[in-house]
Amino acid sequence: APLALLWLLLLCAAARPQWVGEPLPLPASGRDLLLAVDVSGSMDYADMLWDDEPISRLELVKRLLGDFIEDRRGDRVGLILFGSQAYLQAPLTFDRHTVRTWLDEALIGIAGKNTAIGDAIGLAVKRLRQRPAQSRVLVLITDGANNGGEIEPLTAAQLAAEEGVRIYTIGIGADPQQSGVLGALGFSTLDLDETSLRAIADATGGEYFRARSQAELSQIELTLDRLEPVAQQPTLARPARALYAWPLALALLGSLLLASRTLWPDLPQRLRRRA
């Protein structure tokens, strides 16, 4: 009987029971914000500085966008990673922590070594066109020029404009004089096509930024904050609390008691004598 009870407690813990609370309303106004991040091979170049230490361009994006994502309370945030192809890493969600985790786990070359800016825009338009018209925002971050994919960036930008998607483009990379030994020798490590990025932003009613520091990213955040939040369909969430720890603790306690009776069968009698 004791063993059967222990098995029941363990099975109960393995089932991971939960207490589900009353429905709570989630924010009813905000923006639908997709982040498209370049993970092509050039994003591995360590020409950026953080606390006077060289870091890669992708690492800078992760650090700059980490707090930015966490600050988007009330907004749905999603993540697109692109290289030679573009794919949706995280759909639009209020779970900002998960989006940040997916960004932190992004690897160089995971989507190919080239830069398909047009495909990233096309995928974003496909995901955003079902959202309220005034809330569709794409933030596109890259360090290079379009050299892959099937859609030309300006063609994709025109499609985005027709669908009411605003695109804010961000160029990543140090200036040639800041980019280490190669920069000092007069070689540019930056293929950034700022002309095209400005044209993409202008065509959709967005803006173009250079991001080399937290201060520059703050300007982008202030710009997005000025966008009027759009009323969303009310959403309810039921908070859940895991309860598996209780049967697991009881099973552990029961196992210890059962083991003590097996190892020291006369222990109860000794305790009575001392009493």
Protein backbone atom coordinates (compact mmCIF):
# COMPACT_ATOMS: atom_id res chain seq x y z
CA ALA A 1 0.00 0.00 0.00
CA PRO A 2 2.73 2.57 0.81
CA LEU A 3 4.45 1.87 -2.52
CA ALA A 4 1.17 2.22 -4.40
CA LEU A 5 0.57 5.60 -2.72
CA LEU A 6 4.06 6.75 -3.68
CA TRP A 7 3.46 5.75 -7.31
CA LEU A 8 0.18 7.65 -7.33
CA LEU A 9 1.89 10.76 -6.00
CA LEU A 10 4.65 10.51 -8.61
CA LEU A 11 2.14 10.01 -11.41
CA CYS A 12 0.21 13.03 -10.17
CA ALA A 13 3.39 15.14 -10.21
CA ALA A 14 4.28 13.90 -13.71
CA ALA A 15 0.87 15.04 -14.94
CA ARG A 16 1.90 18.60 -13.95
CA PRO A 17 -1.42 19.73 -12.43
CA GLN A 18 -2.16 23.47 -12.56
CA TRP A 19 -4.36 25.92 -10.75
CA VAL A 20 -6.05 28.19 -13.29
CA GLY A 21 -7.11 31.61 -12.09
CA GLU A 22 -9.83 33.98 -13.17
CA PRO A 23 -9.54 35.49 -16.68
CA LEU A 24 -7.52 38.71 -16.75
CA PRO A 25 -7.72 41.26 -19.58
CA LEU A 26 -4.59 41.81 -21.66
CA PRO A 27 -3.75 45.28 -23.02
CA ALA A 28 -6.49 46.33 -25.45
CA SER A 29 -4.48 48.88 -27.43
CA GLY A 30 -1.07 48.83 -29.01
CA ARG A 31 0.86 48.23 -32.20
CA ASP A 32 1.71 45.13 -34.19
CA LEU A 33 5.49 45.25 -34.44
CA LEU A 34 7.58 42.80 -36.45
CA LEU A 35 11.37 42.84 -36.12
CA ALA A 36 13.31 41.58 -39.15
CA VAL A 37 16.93 40.91 -38.19
CA ASP A 38 19.76 40.17 -40.62
CA VAL A 39 21.70 37.02 -39.64
CA SER A 40 23.83 36.80 -42.79
CA GLY A 41 27.56 36.08 -42.64
CA SER A 42 28.67 39.73 -42.47
CA MET A 43 26.77 40.22 -39.19
CA ASP A 44 29.53 38.16 -37.54
CA TYR A 45 32.08 40.92 -38.15
CA ALA A 46 33.32 42.28 -34.79
CA ASP A 47 33.69 45.97 -35.60
CA MET A 48 31.35 47.26 -32.85
CA LEU A 49 32.24 48.27 -29.30
CA TRP A 50 30.39 47.59 -26.04
CA ASP A 51 32.05 48.82 -22.84
CA ASP A 52 35.20 49.33 -24.93
CA GLU A 53 35.21 45.64 -25.91
CA PRO A 54 34.81 44.56 -29.58
CA ILE A 55 31.64 42.60 -30.31
CA SER A 56 29.98 41.38 -33.50
CA ARG A 57 27.23 43.30 -35.25
CA LEU A 58 24.67 40.62 -34.39
CA GLU A 59 25.69 40.70 -30.74
CA LEU A 60 25.19 44.46 -30.73
CA VAL A 61 21.70 43.99 -32.20
CA LYS A 62 20.86 41.47 -29.49
CA ARG A 63 21.98 43.80 -26.72
CA LEU A 64 20.34 46.90 -28.16
CA LEU A 65 17.04 45.18 -28.96
CA GLY A 66 16.80 43.19 -25.73
CA ASP A 67 15.53 46.04 -23.57
CA PHE A 68 13.68 47.53 -26.55
CA ILE A 69 11.57 44.37 -26.83
CA GLU A 70 10.90 44.22 -23.09
CA ASP A 71 9.72 47.85 -23.17
CA ARG A 72 7.03 47.18 -25.80
CA ARG A 73 4.28 46.66 -23.23
CA GLY A 74 0.88 46.65 -24.92
CA ASP A 75 2.38 45.88 -28.34
CA ARG A 76 2.35 42.54 -30.11
CA VAL A 77 5.95 41.75 -31.11
CA GLY A 78 7.18 39.17 -33.61
CA LEU A 79 10.59 38.19 -35.02
CA ILE A 80 11.77 37.44 -38.56
CA LEU A 81 15.32 36.22 -39.20
CA PHE A 82 16.71 36.53 -42.70
CA GLY A 83 19.83 35.74 -44.69
CA SER A 84 19.56 34.03 -48.08
CA GLN A 85 15.96 33.26 -47.07
CA ALA A 86 13.58 34.80 -44.57
CA TYR A 87 11.54 32.88 -42.04
CA LEU A 88 9.28 33.66 -39.11
CA GLN A 89 11.05 32.85 -35.86
CA ALA A 90 8.33 34.16 -33.52
CA PRO A 91 4.77 35.14 -34.52
CA LEU A 92 3.15 38.30 -33.19
CA THR A 93 2.61 37.86 -29.46
CA PHE A 94 2.29 39.72 -26.18
CA ASP A 95 4.94 37.36 -24.75
CA ARG A 96 7.89 39.71 -25.14
CA HIS A 97 10.21 37.54 -23.04
CA THR A 98 9.88 34.64 -25.49
CA VAL A 99 10.61 36.90 -28.47
CA ARG A 100 13.73 38.17 -26.72
CA THR A 101 14.83 34.60 -26.00
CA TRP A 102 14.45 33.65 -29.67
CA LEU A 103 16.52 36.70 -30.66
CA ASP A 104 19.24 35.83 -28.13
CA GLU A 105 19.45 32.32 -29.60
CA ALA A 106 19.78 33.51 -33.22
CA LEU A 107 22.95 32.24 -34.95
CA ILE A 108 24.97 33.63 -37.83
CA GLY A 109 24.20 31.87 -41.10
CA ILE A 110 21.11 30.09 -39.80
CA ALA A 111 19.15 31.47 -42.78
CA GLY A 112 22.06 31.48 -45.25
CA LYS A 113 25.04 33.74 -45.87
CA ASN A 114 23.45 36.28 -48.25
CA THR A 115 21.04 39.16 -47.55
CA ALA A 116 17.47 38.85 -48.87
CA ILE A 117 15.99 42.14 -47.72
CA GLY A 118 13.09 42.00 -50.17
CA ASP A 119 12.04 38.52 -49.02
CA ALA A 120 12.08 39.67 -45.38
CA ILE A 121 9.78 42.58 -46.24
CA GLY A 122 7.48 40.31 -48.25
CA LEU A 123 7.15 37.86 -45.37
CA ALA A 124 6.43 40.69 -42.93
CA VAL A 125 3.69 42.07 -45.18
CA LYS A 126 2.11 38.62 -45.38
CA ARG A 127 2.03 38.36 -41.58
CA LEU A 128 0.87 41.93 -40.93
CA ARG A 129 -1.83 42.35 -43.57
CA GLN A 130 -4.37 40.59 -41.32
CA ARG A 131 -3.83 43.06 -38.48
CA PRO A 132 -5.56 46.46 -38.02
CA ALA A 133 -4.34 48.82 -40.73
CA GLN A 134 -2.98 51.57 -38.48
CA SER A 135 -0.92 49.23 -36.29
CA ARG A 136 1.26 47.50 -38.91
CA VAL A 137 4.94 48.26 -38.26
CA LEU A 138 8.10 46.55 -39.50
CA VAL A 139 11.55 47.33 -38.07
CA LEU A 140 14.17 45.98 -40.47
CA ILE A 141 17.79 45.71 -39.28
CA THR A 142 20.66 44.94 -41.63
CA ASP A 143 24.34 45.69 -42.24
CA GLY A 144 24.44 45.16 -45.98
CA ALA A 145 22.89 45.46 -49.40
CA ASN A 146 20.34 43.11 -50.95
CA ASN A 147 22.17 40.27 -52.71
CA GLY A 148 19.74 37.36 -52.44
CA GLY A 149 16.13 36.31 -52.45
CA GLU A 150 13.40 36.51 -55.06
CA ILE A 151 11.87 39.96 -54.42
CA GLU A 152 13.56 43.29 -55.02
CA PRO A 153 13.49 45.43 -51.85
CA LEU A 154 11.81 48.44 -53.48
CA THR A 155 9.17 46.21 -55.06
CA ALA A 156 8.48 44.68 -51.64
CA ALA A 157 8.39 48.19 -50.14
CA GLN A 158 5.74 49.26 -52.65
CA LEU A 159 3.68 46.22 -51.69
CA ALA A 160 4.12 47.13 -48.03
CA ALA A 161 2.93 50.68 -48.72
CA GLU A 162 -0.18 49.35 -50.47
CA GLU A 163 -0.93 47.19 -47.41
CA GLY A 164 -0.36 50.06 -44.97
CA VAL A 165 2.83 48.62 -43.42
CA ARG A 166 5.27 51.25 -42.15
CA ILE A 167 8.90 50.18 -42.41
CA TYR A 168 11.59 51.62 -40.15
CA THR A 169 15.00 50.61 -41.46
CA ILE A 170 18.10 50.44 -39.27
CA GLY A 171 21.64 50.24 -40.61
CA ILE A 172 24.16 48.37 -38.44
CA GLY A 173 27.93 48.70 -38.64
CA ALA A 174 30.78 50.93 -37.60
CA ASP A 175 32.02 53.75 -39.77
CA PRO A 176 35.20 52.81 -41.73
CA GLN A 177 37.40 54.81 -39.35
CA GLN A 178 35.93 52.83 -36.42
CA SER A 179 36.15 49.34 -37.88
CA GLY A 180 39.53 48.18 -36.60
CA VAL A 181 42.70 47.46 -38.58
CA LEU A 182 41.03 47.17 -41.98
CA GLY A 183 39.35 50.52 -41.46
CA ALA A 184 42.68 52.09 -40.50
CA LEU A 185 44.20 50.78 -43.74
CA GLY A 186 41.41 52.36 -45.76
CA PHE A 187 39.37 49.22 -46.45
CA SER A 188 35.65 49.42 -45.70
CA THR A 189 34.08 46.44 -43.97
CA LEU A 190 30.60 47.91 -44.40
CA ASP A 191 28.46 47.13 -47.45
CA LEU A 192 25.51 49.05 -46.04
CA ASP A 193 23.24 50.37 -48.80
CA GLU A 194 21.88 53.40 -46.98
CA THR A 195 20.31 54.79 -50.16
CA SER A 196 18.06 51.75 -50.57
CA LEU A 197 17.22 51.61 -46.87
CA ARG A 198 16.17 55.27 -46.95
CA ALA A 199 14.10 54.63 -50.07
CA ILE A 200 12.34 51.68 -48.41
CA ALA A 201 11.50 53.76 -45.36
CA ASP A 202 10.36 56.77 -47.41
CA ALA A 203 8.12 54.63 -49.63
CA THR A 204 6.20 53.32 -46.62
CA GLY A 205 6.03 56.39 -44.40
CA GLY A 206 8.75 55.17 -42.06
CA GLU A 207 12.24 56.45 -41.25
CA TYR A 208 15.84 55.33 -41.64
CA PHE A 209 18.28 55.21 -38.71
CA ARG A 210 21.88 54.25 -38.07
CA ALA A 211 22.34 52.18 -34.92
CA ARG A 212 25.78 52.20 -33.39
CA SER A 213 24.86 52.77 -29.76
CA GLN A 214 22.07 52.62 -27.20
CA ALA A 215 21.51 56.38 -27.62
CA GLU A 216 20.80 56.01 -31.33
CA LEU A 217 18.36 53.15 -30.71
CA SER A 218 16.57 55.31 -28.14
CA GLN A 219 15.67 57.70 -30.95
CA ILE A 220 13.99 54.84 -32.80
CA GLU A 221 12.05 53.86 -29.68
CA LEU A 222 10.85 57.45 -29.21
CA THR A 223 9.69 57.54 -32.83
CA LEU A 224 7.69 54.33 -32.42
CA ASP A 225 6.19 55.60 -29.17
CA ARG A 226 4.78 58.57 -31.06
CA LEU A 227 2.70 56.24 -33.22
CA GLU A 228 -0.89 56.26 -32.01
CA PRO A 229 -1.82 52.94 -30.33
CA VAL A 230 -4.64 51.16 -32.12
CA ALA A 231 -7.55 49.54 -30.32
CA GLN A 232 -7.20 45.76 -30.46
CA GLN A 233 -9.80 43.07 -30.00
CA PRO A 234 -10.07 42.45 -26.23
CA THR A 235 -8.11 39.39 -25.14
CA LEU A 236 -8.38 37.46 -21.88
CA ALA A 237 -5.73 35.27 -20.32
CA ARG A 238 -6.13 32.86 -17.41
CA PRO A 239 -3.02 32.82 -15.19
CA ALA A 240 -1.84 29.33 -14.30
CA ARG A 241 0.18 28.18 -11.30
CA ALA A 242 1.98 24.83 -11.37
CA LEU A 243 1.05 22.49 -8.50
CA TYR A 244 3.25 19.48 -9.28
CA ALA A 245 5.67 20.42 -6.47
CA TRP A 246 3.14 19.37 -3.79
CA PRO A 247 2.66 15.70 -4.79
CA LEU A 248 6.37 15.50 -5.62
CA ALA A 249 7.31 16.75 -2.15
CA LEU A 250 4.87 14.32 -0.52
CA ALA A 251 6.32 11.46 -2.57
CA LEU A 252 9.85 12.43 -1.50
CA LEU A 253 8.81 12.64 2.15
CA GLY A 254 7.04 9.29 1.95
CA SER A 255 10.12 7.71 0.33
CA LEU A 256 12.33 8.96 3.16
CA LEU A 257 9.94 7.60 5.79
CA LEU A 258 9.71 4.25 4.01
CA ALA A 259 13.51 4.05 3.69
CA SER A 260 13.99 4.87 7.37
CA ARG A 261 11.59 2.07 8.38
CA THR A 262 13.51 -0.36 6.16
CA LEU A 263 16.95 0.66 7.39
CA TRP A 264 16.04 1.16 11.07
CA PRO A 265 12.98 -1.02 11.82
CA ASP A 266 13.35 -0.58 15.60
CA LEU A 267 13.62 3.24 15.44
CA PRO A 268 10.01 3.87 16.68
CA GLN A 269 10.63 1.67 19.75
CA ARG A 270 13.87 3.53 20.55
CA LEU A 271 12.10 6.85 20.33
CA ARG A 272 9.33 5.63 22.71
CA ARG A 273 11.88 4.44 25.25
CA ARG A 274 13.63 7.80 25.24
CA ALA A 275 10.29 9.54 25.69
